[in-house]
Structures are given as structure tokens and as C-alpha cells.
Protein backbone atom coordinates (compact mmCIF):
# COMPACT_ATOMS: atom_id res chain seq x y z
CA MET A 1 -3.97 16.00 -0.32
CA LYS A 2 -2.86 18.01 -3.30
CA PRO A 3 0.72 19.23 -3.89
CA ASP A 4 -0.24 22.82 -3.04
CA ASP A 5 -2.08 21.92 0.22
CA ALA A 6 -0.53 23.07 3.49
CA PRO A 7 1.28 20.38 5.50
CA ALA A 8 -0.66 18.22 7.93
CA PRO A 9 -0.50 19.21 11.63
CA GLU A 10 2.90 18.80 13.23
CA ALA A 11 3.69 15.30 14.48
CA SER A 12 6.41 14.21 16.85
CA PHE A 13 9.11 11.70 16.01
CA ASP A 14 7.42 9.35 18.49
CA ASP A 15 4.22 9.66 16.41
CA PHE A 16 6.20 8.63 13.32
CA LEU A 17 7.67 5.62 15.11
CA LYS A 18 4.16 4.34 15.85
CA ILE A 19 3.50 3.86 12.12
CA ASP A 20 5.06 0.60 10.95
CA ILE A 21 5.80 0.90 7.20
CA ARG A 22 7.32 -2.22 5.66
CA LEU A 23 8.52 -3.41 2.28
CA GLY A 24 6.68 -6.32 0.71
CA THR A 25 6.24 -8.23 -2.53
CA VAL A 26 2.88 -8.63 -4.26
CA VAL A 27 2.31 -12.40 -4.51
CA ARG A 28 -1.30 -12.34 -5.73
CA ALA A 29 -3.52 -9.75 -7.40
CA GLU A 30 -7.18 -9.99 -8.39
CA PRO A 31 -9.90 -7.68 -9.71
CA PHE A 32 -12.22 -6.20 -7.08
CA PRO A 33 -15.48 -5.59 -8.98
CA GLU A 34 -17.50 -5.16 -5.75
CA ALA A 35 -15.50 -2.06 -4.72
CA ARG A 36 -17.31 1.30 -5.01
CA LYS A 37 -14.22 2.86 -6.62
CA PRO A 38 -12.09 0.83 -9.07
CA ALA A 39 -9.59 -1.24 -7.08
CA PHE A 40 -7.58 -4.44 -6.99
CA LYS A 41 -7.27 -7.00 -4.22
CA LEU A 42 -3.60 -7.53 -3.37
CA TRP A 43 -1.86 -10.14 -1.26
CA ILE A 44 1.52 -8.83 -0.16
CA ASP A 45 4.31 -10.84 1.48
CA PHE A 46 5.94 -8.70 4.17
CA GLY A 47 8.42 -11.40 5.23
CA PRO A 48 8.50 -13.78 8.18
CA GLY A 49 7.80 -11.19 10.90
CA VAL A 50 4.52 -9.97 9.38
CA GLY A 51 3.58 -12.60 6.80
CA VAL A 52 1.21 -12.27 3.85
CA LYS A 53 -1.42 -9.56 4.28
CA GLN A 54 -4.22 -8.45 1.99
CA SER A 55 -4.95 -4.93 0.79
CA SER A 56 -7.54 -3.18 -1.36
CA ALA A 57 -5.69 -0.72 -3.60
CA GLN A 58 -7.22 1.93 -5.87
CA ILE A 59 -4.44 1.72 -8.46
CA THR A 60 -6.32 0.49 -11.53
CA ALA A 61 -5.69 3.63 -13.63
CA LEU A 62 -1.92 3.10 -13.79
CA TYR A 63 -1.51 -0.66 -13.29
CA GLY A 64 -2.85 -3.89 -14.70
CA LEU A 65 -2.93 -7.15 -12.78
CA ASP A 66 0.12 -8.43 -14.66
CA ASP A 67 2.08 -5.30 -13.64
CA LEU A 68 1.59 -6.08 -9.96
CA MET A 69 2.84 -9.64 -9.58
CA GLY A 70 6.29 -9.53 -7.96
CA ARG A 71 6.19 -5.74 -7.56
CA ARG A 72 7.84 -4.41 -4.41
CA VAL A 73 5.55 -2.06 -2.45
CA LEU A 74 5.48 -0.21 0.84
CA GLY A 75 2.58 -0.68 3.22
CA VAL A 76 1.46 0.36 6.69
CA VAL A 77 1.17 -2.96 8.51
CA ASN A 78 -0.12 -1.80 11.91
CA PHE A 79 -3.35 0.03 11.06
CA PRO A 80 -6.52 -1.80 12.13
CA PRO A 81 -8.08 -3.88 9.31
CA ARG A 82 -10.90 -2.26 7.31
CA GLN A 83 -13.84 -4.07 5.81
CA ILE A 84 -14.27 -2.89 2.21
CA GLY A 85 -17.40 -4.57 0.90
CA PRO A 86 -16.80 -8.32 1.13
CA PHE A 87 -13.02 -7.90 1.46
CA ARG A 88 -10.96 -7.34 4.62
CA SER A 89 -8.06 -4.96 3.90
CA GLU A 90 -5.29 -5.56 6.46
CA VAL A 91 -2.64 -3.09 5.27
CA LEU A 92 -2.55 0.32 3.60
CA THR A 93 -0.54 0.10 0.37
CA LEU A 94 1.29 3.39 -0.13
CA GLY A 95 1.47 5.57 -3.23
CA VAL A 96 1.29 9.16 -4.41
CA ALA A 97 -1.26 10.80 -6.69
CA ASP A 98 -0.11 12.05 -10.07
CA ALA A 99 -1.40 15.28 -11.65
CA ASP A 100 -4.64 13.50 -12.65
CA GLY A 101 -5.24 12.01 -9.19
CA ASN A 102 -4.18 8.48 -10.20
CA VAL A 103 -2.22 6.65 -7.51
CA ALA A 104 1.34 5.60 -8.38
CA LEU A 105 2.96 3.05 -6.10
CA ILE A 106 6.14 4.02 -4.28
CA GLY A 107 9.15 2.15 -5.67
CA LEU A 108 12.57 1.17 -4.37
CA GLU A 109 15.94 1.84 -6.04
CA HIS A 110 18.03 -0.82 -4.31
CA PRO A 111 17.35 -4.37 -3.12
CA ALA A 112 16.06 -4.89 0.40
CA PRO A 113 14.39 -7.89 2.08
CA ASP A 114 10.64 -8.25 2.50
CA GLY A 115 9.73 -6.92 5.90
CA ALA A 116 12.38 -4.16 5.88
CA ARG A 117 11.05 -1.16 7.80
CA LEU A 118 10.96 2.41 6.47
CA HIS A 119 13.21 4.78 8.43
């Protein structure tokens, strides 16, 4: 979606509660040369309740591998896994597109534990 697009169809609060968005820490990041669009493979620790999950993230325009280690990110942890080439992506890492369409990860201002849920 672009900033000037109309909002998505109305959703209920119950719909929102079905989406489990958690805070995690990137513990491993690797290139993903087999991906059709430039991407990285990420392993994100979402704390003891969820554990470490892997994600394919198209964030190569704004981040290098060294930028990602230890970075705190938000991810949807209850979508079904998706097979992306030879890689199984288990979570959707969240970000917003800048004016050029490059995805910027969503950050956090204050400390919170891995596994904390978005409200």
C-alpha cells in the first residue's frame, strides 16, 4: 500500500486480536541469494513462549547484515509458514516502505522483553 491509498476494509477488534505481533531480537542473519527479490534470512528470538523463528525479509536496500544482529524487530508469529525457494519463513517481519519503496523496520523507543505482544 502507498501512503495515499484508501484504508483497508474495516476490521473488528476481535480480528486484530487474532494477529499475534511480538517483539524479538535478530540472533542470526544471512544473505538469501536464491530469493527472487533481494532478501535476507533472519533468525529472530521471540522469547521463551515462541522461541527462535526464521523469516525472509526484503530489507536489503536499507540494511546490511551487520546492521541486523541484535536489532529488535516486530513480527507476526501466528501466520502459517511460507516456503520461499529453499527457505521456510515462519514469521512476517514488520516494516514500512519509505518514499522509494524500501522497507524500514519498525523500531522501539523503550526497553521491553523478547516476546512482548503489540497492543
